[in-house]
Amino acid sequence: MKLDSLSWCASIVLFFFVSCVHRETYYDFAEAERSLKVLNSDLTNFLSTADGLKEIKALKFLYNQESAPLPIKNSATGGSGSFDFTGLLGIYSQVSGTSEFRKTAESNDIQIFFKTTDSLSNCLKILKYRDQVISSKPAFPIEVSALLTQGDEELLTISELAKISDDLPEKVDLDIAGKDYKITGNLNRTKGVRNGKMNLQLILSSKLKTVIEIDFEGGISYSKQGFYFNDLSFKTVLFGHEIRGKIDYANINPTSDDYVKSFNSHSKIEIFEHPGKKVGEIVLGKVSNAELLEFFIKFRNDQEKKITDYIPVLGKFYNFKY
């Protein structure tokens, strides 16, 4: 056999080998439904576990106390302007039997002592806090150092540093650590003459294992109002599943008579179950007499069903008026 023939045969073998290695399994309808139910169970259990954590209960309780000296809280006045950290230095205690907090002593930080509904004693220490007002929006924290304890037990530490430029966050680094988990996040934004890039990563790890990871990179352009996306690529790992997507915003017509078609023609979002088993594609569709938009899961057989039929909690985040 001639050398050319050998080379040709080797090329064919290599082609089929590479094709097989990169070929992904596409679940049929029944397998895909099972996979989505697993994802919903994982997500539901995760949210239920998180909601039961001591630190979450404590912070949720404090967030709803209007008189608590917090930079972010659930009130008409909380978070609307710059937080006066220096002016609020001191030790605060909850008045027994009420939701009122009073300053009881001086301090070089802010210490808030309170009891949750289960009568456990908590203390939130805000060791450092600086923010910066951004264009009529709520002030953005640029330095945070805080510690939450319950008795002698350290429940949570929070550390954040940020840089503002052009009246927008340019860089953010976040570290949150609990008893057996850690959350790290970072954001970086660049600016050229008119265009730039934005990268964001958020990772939740528990016992040295990544549980949730969100990565996205977007091409952006600047305007007087801030910035807007031209394109977006993202990958989200949720337990044993992965969502990958690319959206070409520059070619999506927001005023189109058929926005759904325009969006779906210029985006590709896929959901996989590890390792590399495709569950389906996520597409936009109309519901409620075509007045609302919602995401659907498109299965291998081209059947489409609302993704909230399988993962109900997602409905809180993306229903919007068309």
C-alpha atoms as a PDB file:
ATOM      1  CA  MET A   1       0.000   0.000   0.000  1.00  0.00           C
ATOM      2  CA  LYS A   2       1.273   3.421  -0.940  1.00  0.00           C
ATOM      3  CA  LEU A   3       2.150   6.006   1.717  1.00  0.00           C
ATOM      4  CA  ASP A   4      -0.672   8.290   0.508  1.00  0.00           C
ATOM      5  CA  SER A   5      -3.184   5.494   1.006  1.00  0.00           C
ATOM      6  CA  LEU A   6      -1.864   4.815   4.503  1.00  0.00           C
ATOM      7  CA  SER A   7      -2.147   8.492   5.375  1.00  0.00           C
ATOM      8  CA  TRP A   8      -5.691   8.595   4.013  1.00  0.00           C
ATOM      9  CA  CYS A   9      -6.736   5.546   6.060  1.00  0.00           C
ATOM     10  CA  ALA A  10      -5.128   6.952   9.196  1.00  0.00           C
ATOM     11  CA  SER A  11      -6.987  10.215   8.698  1.00  0.00           C
ATOM     12  CA  ILE A  12     -10.322   8.389   8.395  1.00  0.00           C
ATOM     13  CA  VAL A  13      -9.652   6.353  11.563  1.00  0.00           C
ATOM     14  CA  LEU A  14      -8.621   9.502  13.442  1.00  0.00           C
ATOM     15  CA  PHE A  15     -11.751  11.345  12.236  1.00  0.00           C
ATOM     16  CA  PHE A  16     -14.082   8.621  13.511  1.00  0.00           C
ATOM     17  CA  PHE A  17     -12.151   8.335  16.783  1.00  0.00           C
ATOM     18  CA  VAL A  18     -12.466  12.083  17.458  1.00  0.00           C
ATOM     19  CA  SER A  19     -16.135  12.004  16.450  1.00  0.00           C
ATOM     20  CA  CYS A  20     -16.850   9.212  18.908  1.00  0.00           C
ATOM     21  CA  VAL A  21     -14.951  10.917  21.724  1.00  0.00           C
ATOM     22  CA  HIS A  22     -16.873  14.178  21.311  1.00  0.00           C
ATOM     23  CA  ARG A  23     -20.266  12.634  20.562  1.00  0.00           C
ATOM     24  CA  GLU A  24     -22.731  13.480  23.291  1.00  0.00           C
ATOM     25  CA  THR A  25     -25.680  11.363  24.398  1.00  0.00           C
ATOM     26  CA  TYR A  26     -29.051  13.038  23.825  1.00  0.00           C
ATOM     27  CA  TYR A  27     -31.633  11.727  26.275  1.00  0.00           C
ATOM     28  CA  ASP A  28     -35.010  10.628  25.001  1.00  0.00           C
ATOM     29  CA  PHE A  29     -38.120  12.226  26.500  1.00  0.00           C
ATOM     30  CA  ALA A  30     -38.478   9.811  29.439  1.00  0.00           C
ATOM     31  CA  GLU A  31     -34.793  10.034  30.371  1.00  0.00           C
ATOM     32  CA  ALA A  32     -34.855  13.827  30.093  1.00  0.00           C
ATOM     33  CA  GLU A  33     -37.910  14.096  32.365  1.00  0.00           C
ATOM     34  CA  ARG A  34     -36.194  11.880  34.928  1.00  0.00           C
ATOM     35  CA  SER A  35     -33.082  14.040  34.764  1.00  0.00           C
ATOM     36  CA  LEU A  36     -35.064  17.254  35.303  1.00  0.00           C
ATOM     37  CA  LYS A  37     -36.829  15.712  38.295  1.00  0.00           C
ATOM     38  CA  VAL A  38     -33.434  14.875  39.777  1.00  0.00           C
ATOM     39  CA  LEU A  39     -32.296  18.475  39.249  1.00  0.00           C
ATOM     40  CA  ASN A  40     -35.473  19.810  40.866  1.00  0.00           C
ATOM     41  CA  SER A  41     -34.983  17.495  43.840  1.00  0.00           C
ATOM     42  CA  ASP A  42     -31.350  18.600  44.235  1.00  0.00           C
ATOM     43  CA  LEU A  43     -32.335  22.276  44.046  1.00  0.00           C
ATOM     44  CA  THR A  44     -35.294  21.901  46.426  1.00  0.00           C
ATOM     45  CA  ASN A  45     -33.202  20.043  48.994  1.00  0.00           C
ATOM     46  CA  PHE A  46     -30.437  22.641  48.703  1.00  0.00           C
ATOM     47  CA  LEU A  47     -32.805  25.575  49.265  1.00  0.00           C
ATOM     48  CA  SER A  48     -34.519  23.793  52.155  1.00  0.00           C
ATOM     49  CA  THR A  49     -31.166  23.051  53.811  1.00  0.00           C
ATOM     50  CA  ALA A  50     -29.957  26.626  53.300  1.00  0.00           C
ATOM     51  CA  ASP A  51     -33.178  28.041  54.739  1.00  0.00           C
ATOM     52  CA  GLY A  52     -32.637  26.001  57.897  1.00  0.00           C
ATOM     53  CA  LEU A  53     -29.086  27.191  58.564  1.00  0.00           C
ATOM     54  CA  LYS A  54     -28.601  29.182  61.767  1.00  0.00           C
ATOM     55  CA  GLU A  55     -26.908  32.046  59.934  1.00  0.00           C
ATOM     56  CA  ILE A  56     -29.675  32.339  57.341  1.00  0.00           C
ATOM     57  CA  LYS A  57     -32.340  32.419  60.038  1.00  0.00           C
ATOM     58  CA  ALA A  58     -30.400  35.070  61.957  1.00  0.00           C
ATOM     59  CA  LEU A  59     -29.764  37.316  58.950  1.00  0.00           C
ATOM     60  CA  LYS A  60     -33.350  37.020  57.705  1.00  0.00           C
ATOM     61  CA  PHE A  61     -34.594  38.035  61.150  1.00  0.00           C
ATOM     62  CA  LEU A  62     -32.242  41.021  61.352  1.00  0.00           C
ATOM     63  CA  TYR A  63     -32.996  42.090  57.781  1.00  0.00           C
ATOM     64  CA  ASN A  64     -36.633  42.659  58.734  1.00  0.00           C
ATOM     65  CA  GLN A  65     -35.889  44.817  61.801  1.00  0.00           C
ATOM     66  CA  GLU A  66     -36.276  48.435  60.669  1.00  0.00           C
ATOM     67  CA  SER A  67     -34.404  50.013  63.588  1.00  0.00           C
ATOM     68  CA  ALA A  68     -31.350  47.749  63.260  1.00  0.00           C
ATOM     69  CA  PRO A  69     -28.248  49.694  62.070  1.00  0.00           C
ATOM     70  CA  LEU A  70     -27.753  47.721  58.856  1.00  0.00           C
ATOM     71  CA  PRO A  71     -26.615  48.987  55.444  1.00  0.00           C
ATOM     72  CA  ILE A  72     -29.131  46.668  53.735  1.00  0.00           C
ATOM     73  CA  LYS A  73     -32.538  45.952  55.214  1.00  0.00           C
ATOM     74  CA  ASN A  74     -36.175  45.406  54.343  1.00  0.00           C
ATOM     75  CA  SER A  75     -37.558  48.903  54.934  1.00  0.00           C
ATOM     76  CA  ALA A  76     -38.556  52.021  53.064  1.00  0.00           C
ATOM     77  CA  THR A  77     -35.391  53.814  54.214  1.00  0.00           C
ATOM     78  CA  GLY A  78     -32.836  50.995  54.210  1.00  0.00           C
ATOM     79  CA  GLY A  79     -30.372  50.882  51.340  1.00  0.00           C
ATOM     80  CA  SER A  80     -31.588  54.044  49.599  1.00  0.00           C
ATOM     81  CA  GLY A  81     -28.424  56.108  50.218  1.00  0.00           C
ATOM     82  CA  SER A  82     -24.948  55.918  51.675  1.00  0.00           C
ATOM     83  CA  PHE A  83     -24.715  54.070  54.991  1.00  0.00           C
ATOM     84  CA  ASP A  84     -23.228  56.228  57.786  1.00  0.00           C
ATOM     85  CA  PHE A  85     -20.901  53.612  59.250  1.00  0.00           C
ATOM     86  CA  THR A  86     -18.816  56.071  61.275  1.00  0.00           C
ATOM     87  CA  GLY A  87     -21.856  57.822  62.696  1.00  0.00           C
ATOM     88  CA  LEU A  88     -23.432  54.527  63.768  1.00  0.00           C
ATOM     89  CA  LEU A  89     -20.413  52.986  65.525  1.00  0.00           C
ATOM     90  CA  GLY A  90     -21.416  51.380  68.787  1.00  0.00           C
ATOM     91  CA  ILE A  91     -22.993  48.389  70.501  1.00  0.00           C
ATOM     92  CA  TYR A  92     -26.694  47.854  69.925  1.00  0.00           C
ATOM     93  CA  SER A  93     -29.095  45.567  71.766  1.00  0.00           C
ATOM     94  CA  GLN A  94     -32.638  44.570  71.025  1.00  0.00           C
ATOM     95  CA  VAL A  95     -35.125  45.919  73.545  1.00  0.00           C
ATOM     96  CA  SER A  96     -36.720  42.924  75.275  1.00  0.00           C
ATOM     97  CA  GLY A  97     -40.098  41.987  73.859  1.00  0.00           C
ATOM     98  CA  THR A  98     -39.840  44.456  70.942  1.00  0.00           C
ATOM     99  CA  SER A  99     -38.216  44.784  67.545  1.00  0.00           C
ATOM    100  CA  GLU A 100     -36.481  48.021  68.556  1.00  0.00           C
ATOM    101  CA  PHE A 101     -32.692  48.316  68.736  1.00  0.00           C
ATOM    102  CA  ARG A 102     -30.963  50.828  71.003  1.00  0.00           C
ATOM    103  CA  LYS A 103     -27.351  51.869  71.321  1.00  0.00           C
ATOM    104  CA  THR A 104     -26.028  50.746  74.709  1.00  0.00           C
ATOM    105  CA  ALA A 105     -22.285  51.463  74.496  1.00  0.00           C
ATOM    106  CA  GLU A 106     -19.538  52.968  72.338  1.00  0.00           C
ATOM    107  CA  SER A 107     -17.339  50.845  70.097  1.00  0.00           C
ATOM    108  CA  ASN A 108     -14.942  51.183  67.157  1.00  0.00           C
ATOM    109  CA  ASP A 109     -17.197  48.917  65.089  1.00  0.00           C
ATOM    110  CA  ILE A 110     -20.922  48.116  64.929  1.00  0.00           C
ATOM    111  CA  GLN A 111     -22.076  45.233  67.115  1.00  0.00           C
ATOM    112  CA  ILE A 112     -25.727  44.177  66.986  1.00  0.00           C
ATOM    113  CA  PHE A 113     -26.918  41.768  69.667  1.00  0.00           C
ATOM    114  CA  PHE A 114     -30.262  40.078  69.043  1.00  0.00           C
ATOM    115  CA  LYS A 115     -32.265  36.923  69.546  1.00  0.00           C
ATOM    116  CA  THR A 116     -34.026  35.014  66.801  1.00  0.00           C
ATOM    117  CA  THR A 117     -37.408  33.387  67.203  1.00  0.00           C
ATOM    118  CA  ASP A 118     -35.753  30.306  68.707  1.00  0.00           C
ATOM    119  CA  SER A 119     -34.345  32.537  71.502  1.00  0.00           C
ATOM    120  CA  LEU A 120     -30.718  31.933  70.599  1.00  0.00           C
ATOM    121  CA  SER A 121     -28.312  34.827  71.235  1.00  0.00           C
ATOM    122  CA  ASN A 122     -26.634  36.244  68.124  1.00  0.00           C
ATOM    123  CA  CYS A 123     -24.168  39.029  67.395  1.00  0.00           C
ATOM    124  CA  LEU A 124     -23.470  40.614  64.029  1.00  0.00           C
ATOM    125  CA  LYS A 125     -20.234  42.592  64.002  1.00  0.00           C
ATOM    126  CA  ILE A 126     -19.717  45.001  61.126  1.00  0.00           C
ATOM    127  CA  LEU A 127     -15.987  45.613  61.390  1.00  0.00           C
ATOM    128  CA  LYS A 128     -15.590  47.697  58.223  1.00  0.00           C
ATOM    129  CA  TYR A 129     -18.030  49.230  55.799  1.00  0.00           C
ATOM    130  CA  ARG A 130     -17.679  51.759  52.994  1.00  0.00           C
ATOM    131  CA  ASP A 131     -19.985  52.384  50.066  1.00  0.00           C
ATOM    132  CA  GLN A 132     -20.301  54.702  47.123  1.00  0.00           C
ATOM    133  CA  VAL A 133     -23.462  56.146  45.619  1.00  0.00           C
ATOM    134  CA  ILE A 134     -23.908  55.265  41.952  1.00  0.00           C
ATOM    135  CA  SER A 135     -26.143  57.512  39.801  1.00  0.00           C
ATOM    136  CA  SER A 136     -29.395  57.610  41.766  1.00  0.00           C
ATOM    137  CA  LYS A 137     -29.177  53.865  42.438  1.00  0.00           C
ATOM    138  CA  PRO A 138     -28.685  52.453  45.968  1.00  0.00           C
ATOM    139  CA  ALA A 139     -25.126  52.928  47.247  1.00  0.00           C
ATOM    140  CA  PHE A 140     -22.756  50.124  46.223  1.00  0.00           C
ATOM    141  CA  PRO A 141     -20.581  48.572  48.971  1.00  0.00           C
ATOM    142  CA  ILE A 142     -16.884  48.955  48.189  1.00  0.00           C
ATOM    143  CA  GLU A 143     -15.484  47.480  51.421  1.00  0.00           C
ATOM    144  CA  VAL A 144     -17.185  45.086  53.822  1.00  0.00           C
ATOM    145  CA  SER A 145     -15.880  43.033  56.710  1.00  0.00           C
ATOM    146  CA  ALA A 146     -18.436  41.361  58.959  1.00  0.00           C
ATOM    147  CA  LEU A 147     -18.734  38.458  61.370  1.00  0.00           C
ATOM    148  CA  LEU A 148     -21.835  36.653  62.651  1.00  0.00           C
ATOM    149  CA  THR A 149     -21.646  34.609  65.851  1.00  0.00           C
ATOM    150  CA  GLN A 150     -24.079  32.646  67.983  1.00  0.00           C
ATOM    151  CA  GLY A 151     -22.808  32.357  71.528  1.00  0.00           C
ATOM    152  CA  ASP A 152     -19.187  31.227  71.138  1.00  0.00           C
ATOM    153  CA  GLU A 153     -19.808  29.726  67.702  1.00  0.00           C
ATOM    154  CA  GLU A 154     -18.656  31.574  64.577  1.00  0.00           C
ATOM    155  CA  LEU A 155     -21.380  31.137  61.971  1.00  0.00           C
ATOM    156  CA  LEU A 156     -20.378  33.351  59.071  1.00  0.00           C
ATOM    157  CA  THR A 157     -17.677  35.725  57.824  1.00  0.00           C
ATOM    158  CA  ILE A 158     -18.176  38.181  54.976  1.00  0.00           C
ATOM    159  CA  SER A 159     -15.424  40.038  53.130  1.00  0.00           C
ATOM    160  CA  GLU A 160     -15.863  42.215  50.051  1.00  0.00           C
ATOM    161  CA  LEU A 161     -13.759  44.739  48.129  1.00  0.00           C
ATOM    162  CA  ALA A 162     -14.897  46.664  45.076  1.00  0.00           C
ATOM    163  CA  LYS A 163     -13.749  49.424  42.757  1.00  0.00           C
ATOM    164  CA  ILE A 164     -16.064  51.921  41.058  1.00  0.00           C
ATOM    165  CA  SER A 165     -15.272  53.708  37.806  1.00  0.00           C
ATOM    166  CA  ASP A 166     -17.471  55.541  35.318  1.00  0.00           C
ATOM    167  CA  ASP A 167     -20.191  55.431  37.987  1.00  0.00           C
ATOM    168  CA  LEU A 168     -20.315  51.614  37.668  1.00  0.00           C
ATOM    169  CA  PRO A 169     -18.701  48.654  39.467  1.00  0.00           C
ATOM    170  CA  GLU A 170     -15.420  47.854  37.738  1.00  0.00           C
ATOM    171  CA  LYS A 171     -14.082  45.124  40.027  1.00  0.00           C
ATOM    172  CA  VAL A 172     -15.663  43.140  42.867  1.00  0.00           C
ATOM    173  CA  ASP A 173     -14.121  40.402  45.007  1.00  0.00           C
ATOM    174  CA  LEU A 174     -16.355  38.574  47.471  1.00  0.00           C
ATOM    175  CA  ASP A 175     -15.629  35.883  50.064  1.00  0.00           C
ATOM    176  CA  ILE A 176     -18.259  34.370  52.353  1.00  0.00           C
ATOM    177  CA  ALA A 177     -17.388  31.467  54.645  1.00  0.00           C
ATOM    178  CA  GLY A 178     -19.702  29.337  56.757  1.00  0.00           C
ATOM    179  CA  LYS A 179     -19.005  26.340  58.921  1.00  0.00           C
ATOM    180  CA  ASP A 180     -18.580  23.837  56.073  1.00  0.00           C
ATOM    181  CA  TYR A 181     -19.053  25.884  52.939  1.00  0.00           C
ATOM    182  CA  LYS A 182     -17.540  28.822  51.094  1.00  0.00           C
ATOM    183  CA  ILE A 183     -18.822  31.281  48.506  1.00  0.00           C
ATOM    184  CA  THR A 184     -16.365  33.158  46.317  1.00  0.00           C
ATOM    185  CA  GLY A 185     -17.276  35.654  43.656  1.00  0.00           C
ATOM    186  CA  ASN A 186     -15.530  38.119  41.398  1.00  0.00           C
ATOM    187  CA  LEU A 187     -16.569  40.586  38.743  1.00  0.00           C
ATOM    188  CA  ASN A 188     -14.323  42.416  36.288  1.00  0.00           C
ATOM    189  CA  ARG A 189     -15.427  45.039  33.790  1.00  0.00           C
ATOM    190  CA  THR A 190     -13.249  46.653  31.138  1.00  0.00           C
ATOM    191  CA  LYS A 191     -13.838  49.705  28.956  1.00  0.00           C
ATOM    192  CA  GLY A 192     -12.306  50.775  25.672  1.00  0.00           C
ATOM    193  CA  VAL A 193     -13.383  53.775  23.623  1.00  0.00           C
ATOM    194  CA  ARG A 194     -16.975  52.576  23.516  1.00  0.00           C
ATOM    195  CA  ASN A 195     -16.957  48.822  24.062  1.00  0.00           C
ATOM    196  CA  GLY A 196     -15.682  46.509  26.759  1.00  0.00           C
ATOM    197  CA  LYS A 197     -16.025  43.147  28.479  1.00  0.00           C
ATOM    198  CA  MET A 198     -17.631  41.931  31.667  1.00  0.00           C
ATOM    199  CA  ASN A 199     -16.670  38.678  33.402  1.00  0.00           C
ATOM    200  CA  LEU A 200     -18.374  37.236  36.449  1.00  0.00           C
ATOM    201  CA  GLN A 201     -17.744  34.067  38.421  1.00  0.00           C
ATOM    202  CA  LEU A 202     -19.568  32.797  41.490  1.00  0.00           C
ATOM    203  CA  ILE A 203     -18.679  29.503  43.183  1.00  0.00           C
ATOM    204  CA  LEU A 204     -20.333  27.745  46.097  1.00  0.00           C
ATOM    205  CA  SER A 205     -18.230  24.904  47.449  1.00  0.00           C
ATOM    206  CA  SER A 206     -18.878  22.562  50.338  1.00  0.00           C
ATOM    207  CA  LYS A 207     -16.293  20.260  51.864  1.00  0.00           C
ATOM    208  CA  LEU A 208     -13.864  21.094  49.028  1.00  0.00           C
ATOM    209  CA  LYS A 209     -16.431  20.104  46.375  1.00  0.00           C
ATOM    210  CA  THR A 210     -18.028  22.585  43.975  1.00  0.00           C
ATOM    211  CA  VAL A 211     -21.803  22.532  44.362  1.00  0.00           C
ATOM    212  CA  ILE A 212     -22.790  25.535  42.242  1.00  0.00           C
ATOM    213  CA  GLU A 213     -20.653  27.476  39.775  1.00  0.00           C
ATOM    214  CA  ILE A 214     -21.735  30.386  37.595  1.00  0.00           C
ATOM    215  CA  ASP A 215     -19.423  31.761  34.907  1.00  0.00           C
ATOM    216  CA  PHE A 216     -20.309  34.318  32.298  1.00  0.00           C
ATOM    217  CA  GLU A 217     -18.524  36.604  29.885  1.00  0.00           C
ATOM    218  CA  GLY A 218     -20.256  39.381  28.027  1.00  0.00           C
ATOM    219  CA  GLY A 219     -19.332  41.889  25.371  1.00  0.00           C
ATOM    220  CA  ILE A 220     -20.732  45.276  26.348  1.00  0.00           C
ATOM    221  CA  SER A 221     -21.169  48.758  24.918  1.00  0.00           C
ATOM    222  CA  TYR A 222     -21.515  51.947  26.908  1.00  0.00           C
ATOM    223  CA  SER A 223     -24.237  54.583  26.814  1.00  0.00           C
ATOM    224  CA  LYS A 224     -25.265  57.576  28.905  1.00  0.00           C
ATOM    225  CA  GLN A 225     -27.483  55.256  30.965  1.00  0.00           C
ATOM    226  CA  GLY A 226     -24.674  52.795  31.708  1.00  0.00           C
ATOM    227  CA  PHE A 227     -23.971  49.767  29.532  1.00  0.00           C
ATOM    228  CA  TYR A 228     -25.768  47.063  27.576  1.00  0.00           C
ATOM    229  CA  PHE A 229     -24.809  43.596  26.393  1.00  0.00           C
ATOM    230  CA  ASN A 230     -23.906  42.819  22.800  1.00  0.00           C
ATOM    231  CA  ASP A 231     -23.324  39.136  23.470  1.00  0.00           C
ATOM    232  CA  LEU A 232     -23.235  36.784  26.419  1.00  0.00           C
ATOM    233  CA  SER A 233     -21.663  33.370  26.966  1.00  0.00           C
ATOM    234  CA  PHE A 234     -22.277  31.486  30.184  1.00  0.00           C
ATOM    235  CA  LYS A 235     -21.929  28.174  31.963  1.00  0.00           C
ATOM    236  CA  THR A 236     -23.785  27.262  35.123  1.00  0.00           C
ATOM    237  CA  VAL A 237     -23.082  24.092  37.095  1.00  0.00           C
ATOM    238  CA  LEU A 238     -25.919  23.028  39.385  1.00  0.00           C
ATOM    239  CA  PHE A 239     -25.078  19.875  41.332  1.00  0.00           C
ATOM    240  CA  GLY A 240     -24.926  17.156  38.656  1.00  0.00           C
ATOM    241  CA  HIS A 241     -26.201  19.329  35.814  1.00  0.00           C
ATOM    242  CA  GLU A 242     -24.721  21.998  33.583  1.00  0.00           C
ATOM    243  CA  ILE A 243     -26.352  24.778  31.572  1.00  0.00           C
ATOM    244  CA  ARG A 244     -24.363  26.281  28.702  1.00  0.00           C
ATOM    245  CA  GLY A 245     -25.497  29.216  26.666  1.00  0.00           C
ATOM    246  CA  LYS A 246     -24.631  31.844  24.090  1.00  0.00           C
ATOM    247  CA  ILE A 247     -26.879  34.826  23.370  1.00  0.00           C
ATOM    248  CA  ASP A 248     -26.200  37.235  20.509  1.00  0.00           C
ATOM    249  CA  TYR A 249     -28.011  40.281  21.876  1.00  0.00           C
ATOM    250  CA  ALA A 250     -26.709  42.568  19.121  1.00  0.00           C
ATOM    251  CA  ASN A 251     -28.832  40.721  16.563  1.00  0.00           C
ATOM    252  CA  ILE A 252     -31.962  40.247  18.682  1.00  0.00           C
ATOM    253  CA  ASN A 253     -34.613  42.797  17.744  1.00  0.00           C
ATOM    254  CA  PRO A 254     -36.347  43.960  20.965  1.00  0.00           C
ATOM    255  CA  THR A 255     -39.169  45.613  18.972  1.00  0.00           C
ATOM    256  CA  SER A 256     -39.754  42.704  16.614  1.00  0.00           C
ATOM    257  CA  ASP A 257     -43.337  41.581  15.999  1.00  0.00           C
ATOM    258  CA  ASP A 258     -42.027  38.106  16.798  1.00  0.00           C
ATOM    259  CA  TYR A 259     -39.520  38.681  19.597  1.00  0.00           C
ATOM    260  CA  VAL A 260     -39.591  34.994  20.545  1.00  0.00           C
ATOM    261  CA  LYS A 261     -38.390  33.988  17.077  1.00  0.00           C
ATOM    262  CA  SER A 262     -35.740  36.711  17.086  1.00  0.00           C
ATOM    263  CA  PHE A 263     -34.429  35.621  20.506  1.00  0.00           C
ATOM    264  CA  ASN A 264     -34.392  31.893  19.709  1.00  0.00           C
ATOM    265  CA  SER A 265     -32.732  32.484  16.315  1.00  0.00           C
ATOM    266  CA  HIS A 266     -29.811  34.268  17.964  1.00  0.00           C
ATOM    267  CA  SER A 267     -29.312  32.190  21.097  1.00  0.00           C
ATOM    268  CA  LYS A 268     -28.458  28.643  22.055  1.00  0.00           C
ATOM    269  CA  ILE A 269     -28.982  27.395  25.597  1.00  0.00           C
ATOM    270  CA  GLU A 270     -28.504  23.725  26.431  1.00  0.00           C
ATOM    271  CA  ILE A 271     -28.853  21.701  29.601  1.00  0.00           C
ATOM    272  CA  PHE A 272     -26.759  18.618  30.296  1.00  0.00           C
ATOM    273  CA  GLU A 273     -26.510  15.982  32.981  1.00  0.00           C
ATOM    274  CA  HIS A 274     -22.925  15.053  33.765  1.00  0.00           C
ATOM    275  CA  PRO A 275     -21.016  13.687  32.028  1.00  0.00           C
ATOM    276  CA  GLY A 276     -22.081  15.193  28.673  1.00  0.00           C
ATOM    277  CA  LYS A 277     -25.611  13.799  28.489  1.00  0.00           C
ATOM    278  CA  LYS A 278     -27.886  16.341  26.824  1.00  0.00           C
ATOM    279  CA  VAL A 279     -31.274  16.801  28.457  1.00  0.00           C
ATOM    280  CA  GLY A 280     -32.632  19.378  26.038  1.00  0.00           C
ATOM    281  CA  GLU A 281     -32.478  22.948  24.826  1.00  0.00           C
ATOM    282  CA  ILE A 282     -33.939  25.958  26.605  1.00  0.00           C
ATOM    283  CA  VAL A 283     -36.001  28.224  24.346  1.00  0.00           C
ATOM    284  CA  LEU A 284     -38.238  31.235  24.853  1.00  0.00           C
ATOM    285  CA  GLY A 285     -41.993  30.929  24.336  1.00  0.00           C
ATOM    286  CA  LYS A 286     -45.283  32.708  24.972  1.00  0.00           C
ATOM    287  CA  VAL A 287     -47.876  31.891  27.641  1.00  0.00           C
ATOM    288  CA  SER A 288     -51.075  33.481  29.021  1.00  0.00           C
ATOM    289  CA  ASN A 289     -52.601  34.568  25.721  1.00  0.00           C
ATOM    290  CA  ALA A 290     -49.172  35.551  24.402  1.00  0.00           C
ATOM    291  CA  GLU A 291     -48.793  38.334  26.982  1.00  0.00           C
ATOM    292  CA  LEU A 292     -46.081  36.655  29.022  1.00  0.00           C
ATOM    293  CA  LEU A 293     -42.791  35.102  28.043  1.00  0.00           C
ATOM    294  CA  GLU A 294     -41.371  32.051  29.703  1.00  0.00           C
ATOM    295  CA  PHE A 295     -38.580  29.584  29.079  1.00  0.00           C
ATOM    296  CA  PHE A 296     -39.411  26.123  27.772  1.00  0.00           C
ATOM    297  CA  ILE A 297     -37.388  22.949  27.637  1.00  0.00           C
ATOM    298  CA  LYS A 298     -37.228  21.544  24.110  1.00  0.00           C
ATOM    299  CA  PHE A 299     -36.694  17.791  24.122  1.00  0.00           C
ATOM    300  CA  ARG A 300     -35.065  15.560  21.521  1.00  0.00           C
ATOM    301  CA  ASN A 301     -38.446  14.791  19.942  1.00  0.00           C
ATOM    302  CA  ASP A 302     -39.064  18.584  19.531  1.00  0.00           C
ATOM    303  CA  GLN A 303     -41.743  18.545  22.210  1.00  0.00           C
ATOM    304  CA  GLU A 304     -41.671  21.722  24.327  1.00  0.00           C
ATOM    305  CA  LYS A 305     -42.770  22.097  27.946  1.00  0.00           C
ATOM    306  CA  LYS A 306     -42.452  24.963  30.392  1.00  0.00           C
ATOM    307  CA  ILE A 307     -39.320  24.514  32.452  1.00  0.00           C
ATOM    308  CA  THR A 308     -41.264  25.618  35.536  1.00  0.00           C
ATOM    309  CA  ASP A 309     -43.347  22.438  35.155  1.00  0.00           C
ATOM    310  CA  TYR A 310     -40.207  20.603  36.209  1.00  0.00           C
ATOM    311  CA  ILE A 311     -38.434  23.249  38.335  1.00  0.00           C
ATOM    312  CA  PRO A 312     -41.200  25.424  39.869  1.00  0.00           C
ATOM    313  CA  VAL A 313     -38.867  27.683  41.875  1.00  0.00           C
ATOM    314  CA  LEU A 314     -37.505  29.208  38.648  1.00  0.00           C
ATOM    315  CA  GLY A 315     -40.861  30.848  38.013  1.00  0.00           C
ATOM    316  CA  LYS A 316     -40.079  33.461  40.645  1.00  0.00           C
ATOM    317  CA  PHE A 317     -37.147  34.772  38.636  1.00  0.00           C
ATOM    318  CA  TYR A 318     -38.087  35.148  35.018  1.00  0.00           C
ATOM    319  CA  ASN A 319     -41.802  35.686  34.389  1.00  0.00           C
ATOM    320  CA  PHE A 320     -42.118  39.060  32.786  1.00  0.00           C
ATOM    321  CA  LYS A 321     -44.627  41.127  30.804  1.00  0.00           C
ATOM    322  CA  TYR A 322     -44.332  40.939  27.026  1.00  0.00           C
END
